[in-house]
Amino acid sequence: MRFLNIPNIHVMRESVRKLHDICMPRSEASLSTSWFSSLENTQWLEYISLILHSALRIVHLIEHGSSVVIHCSDGYLNLTICVTST
């Protein structure tokens, strides 16, 4: 069993909200002079990287005949449960 360290849906939702705010500012006054720093503070790219690395690991396991169960550990049903067996 391996924990993939992907944050729960609430953390992801907050991150994408922050990303939206810096990409679509409500006014010119809210434009950031340090856009890349603001982007980094959203942690969105880190989370997307975790998801893609996790997906790659899962595909690798499936290709090599392993069974895989993906489960959201905090009990929320916001993540699709996937099960495969060979």
N, C-alpha and C. Protein backbone atom coordinates (compact mmCIF):
# COMPACT_ATOMS: atom_id res chain seq x y z
N MET A 1 0.86 -1.17 0.00
CA MET A 1 0.00 0.00 0.00
C MET A 1 0.90 1.23 0.00
N ARG A 2 0.49 2.24 -0.76
CA ARG A 2 1.29 3.46 -0.85
C ARG A 2 0.37 4.67 -0.85
N PHE A 3 0.68 5.62 0.03
CA PHE A 3 -0.05 6.87 0.09
C PHE A 3 0.58 7.82 -0.92
N LEU A 4 -0.22 8.41 -1.80
CA LEU A 4 0.30 9.23 -2.89
C LEU A 4 0.39 10.72 -2.56
N ASN A 5 -0.02 11.10 -1.37
CA ASN A 5 0.12 12.48 -0.89
C ASN A 5 -0.64 13.53 -1.70
N ILE A 6 -1.71 13.14 -2.33
CA ILE A 6 -2.53 14.11 -3.05
C ILE A 6 -3.49 14.72 -2.02
N PRO A 7 -3.53 16.05 -1.93
CA PRO A 7 -4.40 16.70 -0.94
C PRO A 7 -5.88 16.39 -1.18
N ASN A 8 -6.67 16.62 -0.14
CA ASN A 8 -8.11 16.37 -0.26
C ASN A 8 -8.77 17.43 -1.14
N ILE A 9 -10.02 17.21 -1.44
CA ILE A 9 -10.76 18.06 -2.37
C ILE A 9 -10.84 19.51 -1.89
N HIS A 10 -10.87 19.72 -0.59
CA HIS A 10 -10.97 21.09 -0.06
C HIS A 10 -9.69 21.88 -0.32
N VAL A 11 -8.56 21.23 -0.15
CA VAL A 11 -7.27 21.87 -0.42
C VAL A 11 -7.13 22.15 -1.91
N MET A 12 -7.53 21.19 -2.73
CA MET A 12 -7.45 21.37 -4.19
C MET A 12 -8.37 22.51 -4.65
N ARG A 13 -9.56 22.56 -4.09
CA ARG A 13 -10.52 23.62 -4.45
C ARG A 13 -9.96 25.00 -4.09
N GLU A 14 -9.34 25.12 -2.93
CA GLU A 14 -8.75 26.40 -2.52
C GLU A 14 -7.59 26.78 -3.45
N SER A 15 -6.81 25.80 -3.82
CA SER A 15 -5.69 26.05 -4.72
C SER A 15 -6.17 26.55 -6.08
N VAL A 16 -7.17 25.91 -6.64
CA VAL A 16 -7.68 26.34 -7.95
C VAL A 16 -8.38 27.70 -7.84
N ARG A 17 -8.96 27.99 -6.69
CA ARG A 17 -9.56 29.32 -6.49
C ARG A 17 -8.47 30.39 -6.53
N LYS A 18 -7.35 30.12 -5.86
CA LYS A 18 -6.24 31.07 -5.86
C LYS A 18 -5.67 31.23 -7.27
N LEU A 19 -5.58 30.12 -7.99
CA LEU A 19 -5.09 30.18 -9.36
C LEU A 19 -6.02 31.05 -10.22
N HIS A 20 -7.30 30.84 -10.07
CA HIS A 20 -8.28 31.64 -10.81
C HIS A 20 -8.13 33.13 -10.47
N ASP A 21 -7.94 33.42 -9.20
CA ASP A 21 -7.82 34.82 -8.78
C ASP A 21 -6.61 35.52 -9.40
N ILE A 22 -5.50 34.81 -9.54
CA ILE A 22 -4.34 35.48 -10.14
C ILE A 22 -4.42 35.51 -11.66
N CYS A 23 -5.13 34.56 -12.26
CA CYS A 23 -5.27 34.54 -13.72
C CYS A 23 -6.39 35.45 -14.21
N MET A 24 -7.39 35.65 -13.38
CA MET A 24 -8.54 36.46 -13.73
C MET A 24 -8.81 37.47 -12.62
N PRO A 25 -7.92 38.45 -12.44
CA PRO A 25 -8.10 39.41 -11.34
C PRO A 25 -9.39 40.21 -11.51
N ARG A 26 -10.00 40.54 -10.40
CA ARG A 26 -11.27 41.27 -10.42
C ARG A 26 -11.10 42.73 -10.81
N SER A 27 -9.92 43.26 -10.55
CA SER A 27 -9.65 44.66 -10.90
C SER A 27 -8.15 44.81 -11.16
N GLU A 28 -7.79 45.91 -11.78
CA GLU A 28 -6.37 46.15 -12.01
C GLU A 28 -5.62 46.35 -10.70
N ALA A 29 -6.31 46.80 -9.69
CA ALA A 29 -5.68 46.99 -8.39
C ALA A 29 -5.23 45.66 -7.78
N SER A 30 -5.90 44.58 -8.16
CA SER A 30 -5.54 43.28 -7.60
C SER A 30 -4.50 42.53 -8.45
N LEU A 31 -4.02 43.18 -9.53
CA LEU A 31 -2.96 42.56 -10.33
C LEU A 31 -1.69 42.45 -9.51
N SER A 32 -1.08 41.31 -9.56
CA SER A 32 0.14 41.08 -8.79
C SER A 32 1.35 41.46 -9.62
N THR A 33 2.29 42.14 -8.98
CA THR A 33 3.54 42.46 -9.66
C THR A 33 4.49 41.27 -9.64
N SER A 34 4.20 40.32 -8.81
CA SER A 34 5.03 39.11 -8.73
C SER A 34 4.16 37.89 -9.07
N TRP A 35 3.75 37.82 -10.34
CA TRP A 35 2.82 36.80 -10.78
C TRP A 35 3.35 35.39 -10.53
N PHE A 36 4.62 35.16 -10.84
CA PHE A 36 5.17 33.81 -10.66
C PHE A 36 5.22 33.41 -9.19
N SER A 37 5.49 34.36 -8.34
CA SER A 37 5.48 34.09 -6.90
C SER A 37 4.06 33.77 -6.44
N SER A 38 3.10 34.51 -6.95
CA SER A 38 1.69 34.25 -6.62
C SER A 38 1.26 32.88 -7.13
N LEU A 39 1.73 32.52 -8.33
CA LEU A 39 1.43 31.20 -8.88
C LEU A 39 2.00 30.11 -7.99
N GLU A 40 3.23 30.28 -7.57
CA GLU A 40 3.86 29.30 -6.68
C GLU A 40 3.08 29.16 -5.37
N ASN A 41 2.58 30.26 -4.85
CA ASN A 41 1.83 30.23 -3.59
C ASN A 41 0.50 29.49 -3.70
N THR A 42 -0.02 29.33 -4.91
CA THR A 42 -1.26 28.55 -5.07
C THR A 42 -1.02 27.07 -4.88
N GLN A 43 0.21 26.63 -5.10
CA GLN A 43 0.63 25.23 -5.06
C GLN A 43 -0.05 24.38 -6.14
N TRP A 44 -0.73 25.02 -7.08
CA TRP A 44 -1.46 24.30 -8.12
C TRP A 44 -0.53 23.42 -8.95
N LEU A 45 0.60 23.96 -9.37
CA LEU A 45 1.52 23.18 -10.21
C LEU A 45 2.09 22.00 -9.43
N GLU A 46 2.33 22.17 -8.15
CA GLU A 46 2.79 21.07 -7.31
C GLU A 46 1.74 19.97 -7.25
N TYR A 47 0.48 20.36 -7.05
CA TYR A 47 -0.60 19.37 -6.96
C TYR A 47 -0.81 18.65 -8.29
N ILE A 48 -0.75 19.38 -9.39
CA ILE A 48 -0.91 18.75 -10.70
C ILE A 48 0.24 17.78 -10.94
N SER A 49 1.44 18.16 -10.54
CA SER A 49 2.58 17.26 -10.66
C SER A 49 2.37 15.98 -9.86
N LEU A 50 1.86 16.11 -8.63
CA LEU A 50 1.57 14.93 -7.80
C LEU A 50 0.55 14.01 -8.48
N ILE A 51 -0.48 14.60 -9.05
CA ILE A 51 -1.53 13.82 -9.72
C ILE A 51 -0.96 13.09 -10.93
N LEU A 52 -0.16 13.80 -11.74
CA LEU A 52 0.41 13.18 -12.94
C LEU A 52 1.41 12.08 -12.59
N HIS A 53 2.24 12.31 -11.57
CA HIS A 53 3.18 11.28 -11.13
C HIS A 53 2.43 10.06 -10.59
N SER A 54 1.36 10.31 -9.87
CA SER A 54 0.55 9.21 -9.33
C SER A 54 -0.10 8.42 -10.46
N ALA A 55 -0.63 9.13 -11.46
CA ALA A 55 -1.25 8.46 -12.60
C ALA A 55 -0.23 7.61 -13.35
N LEU A 56 0.97 8.14 -13.52
CA LEU A 56 2.04 7.40 -14.19
C LEU A 56 2.39 6.14 -13.41
N ARG A 57 2.49 6.25 -12.10
CA ARG A 57 2.79 5.08 -11.27
C ARG A 57 1.68 4.03 -11.39
N ILE A 58 0.44 4.48 -11.37
CA ILE A 58 -0.70 3.56 -11.48
C ILE A 58 -0.69 2.85 -12.84
N VAL A 59 -0.45 3.60 -13.92
CA VAL A 59 -0.40 3.00 -15.25
C VAL A 59 0.72 1.97 -15.31
N HIS A 60 1.87 2.30 -14.75
CA HIS A 60 3.00 1.37 -14.73
C HIS A 60 2.64 0.08 -14.01
N LEU A 61 1.99 0.21 -12.86
CA LEU A 61 1.58 -0.98 -12.10
C LEU A 61 0.59 -1.84 -12.89
N ILE A 62 -0.38 -1.19 -13.52
CA ILE A 62 -1.38 -1.92 -14.30
C ILE A 62 -0.73 -2.63 -15.48
N GLU A 63 0.18 -1.92 -16.16
CA GLU A 63 0.86 -2.53 -17.31
C GLU A 63 1.66 -3.77 -16.92
N HIS A 64 2.10 -3.81 -15.67
CA HIS A 64 2.89 -4.95 -15.20
C HIS A 64 2.04 -5.99 -14.46
N GLY A 65 0.73 -5.91 -14.63
CA GLY A 65 -0.16 -6.94 -14.12
C GLY A 65 -0.60 -6.80 -12.68
N SER A 66 -0.34 -5.68 -12.05
CA SER A 66 -0.76 -5.49 -10.66
C SER A 66 -2.21 -5.05 -10.58
N SER A 67 -2.83 -5.36 -9.47
CA SER A 67 -4.16 -4.84 -9.17
C SER A 67 -4.00 -3.50 -8.47
N VAL A 68 -4.87 -2.57 -8.77
CA VAL A 68 -4.76 -1.23 -8.21
C VAL A 68 -6.12 -0.79 -7.67
N VAL A 69 -6.13 -0.25 -6.47
CA VAL A 69 -7.32 0.36 -5.90
C VAL A 69 -6.94 1.80 -5.55
N ILE A 70 -7.74 2.73 -6.01
CA ILE A 70 -7.52 4.14 -5.69
C ILE A 70 -8.65 4.56 -4.76
N HIS A 71 -8.27 5.08 -3.61
CA HIS A 71 -9.27 5.40 -2.59
C HIS A 71 -8.95 6.75 -1.97
N CYS A 72 -9.96 7.56 -1.76
CA CYS A 72 -9.80 8.84 -1.08
C CYS A 72 -9.74 8.56 0.42
N SER A 73 -8.63 8.90 1.04
CA SER A 73 -8.39 8.49 2.43
C SER A 73 -9.17 9.27 3.47
N ASP A 74 -9.69 10.45 3.13
CA ASP A 74 -10.37 11.23 4.17
C ASP A 74 -11.87 10.98 4.22
N GLY A 75 -12.34 10.02 3.46
CA GLY A 75 -13.74 9.61 3.57
C GLY A 75 -14.72 10.33 2.66
N TYR A 76 -14.27 11.36 1.96
CA TYR A 76 -15.18 12.07 1.06
C TYR A 76 -15.35 11.27 -0.22
N LEU A 77 -16.49 11.35 -0.83
CA LEU A 77 -16.76 10.61 -2.05
C LEU A 77 -16.54 11.47 -3.29
N ASN A 78 -15.60 12.38 -3.23
CA ASN A 78 -15.33 13.26 -4.35
C ASN A 78 -14.31 12.68 -5.32
N LEU A 79 -13.75 11.55 -4.99
CA LEU A 79 -12.76 10.92 -5.84
C LEU A 79 -13.34 9.62 -6.37
N THR A 80 -13.23 9.42 -7.65
CA THR A 80 -13.71 8.17 -8.23
C THR A 80 -12.87 7.02 -7.71
N ILE A 81 -13.52 5.97 -7.31
CA ILE A 81 -12.83 4.78 -6.86
C ILE A 81 -12.60 3.89 -8.09
N CYS A 82 -11.35 3.53 -8.34
CA CYS A 82 -11.02 2.70 -9.48
C CYS A 82 -10.43 1.40 -8.98
N VAL A 83 -10.87 0.30 -9.56
CA VAL A 83 -10.36 -1.01 -9.20
C VAL A 83 -10.06 -1.76 -10.48
N THR A 84 -8.89 -2.37 -10.53
CA THR A 84 -8.56 -3.22 -11.66
C THR A 84 -7.93 -4.49 -11.14
N SER A 85 -8.14 -5.57 -11.82
CA SER A 85 -7.47 -6.82 -11.47
C SER A 85 -7.11 -7.56 -12.73
N THR A 86 -6.12 -8.41 -12.61
CA THR A 86 -5.70 -9.19 -13.78
C THR A 86 -5.87 -10.66 -13.51
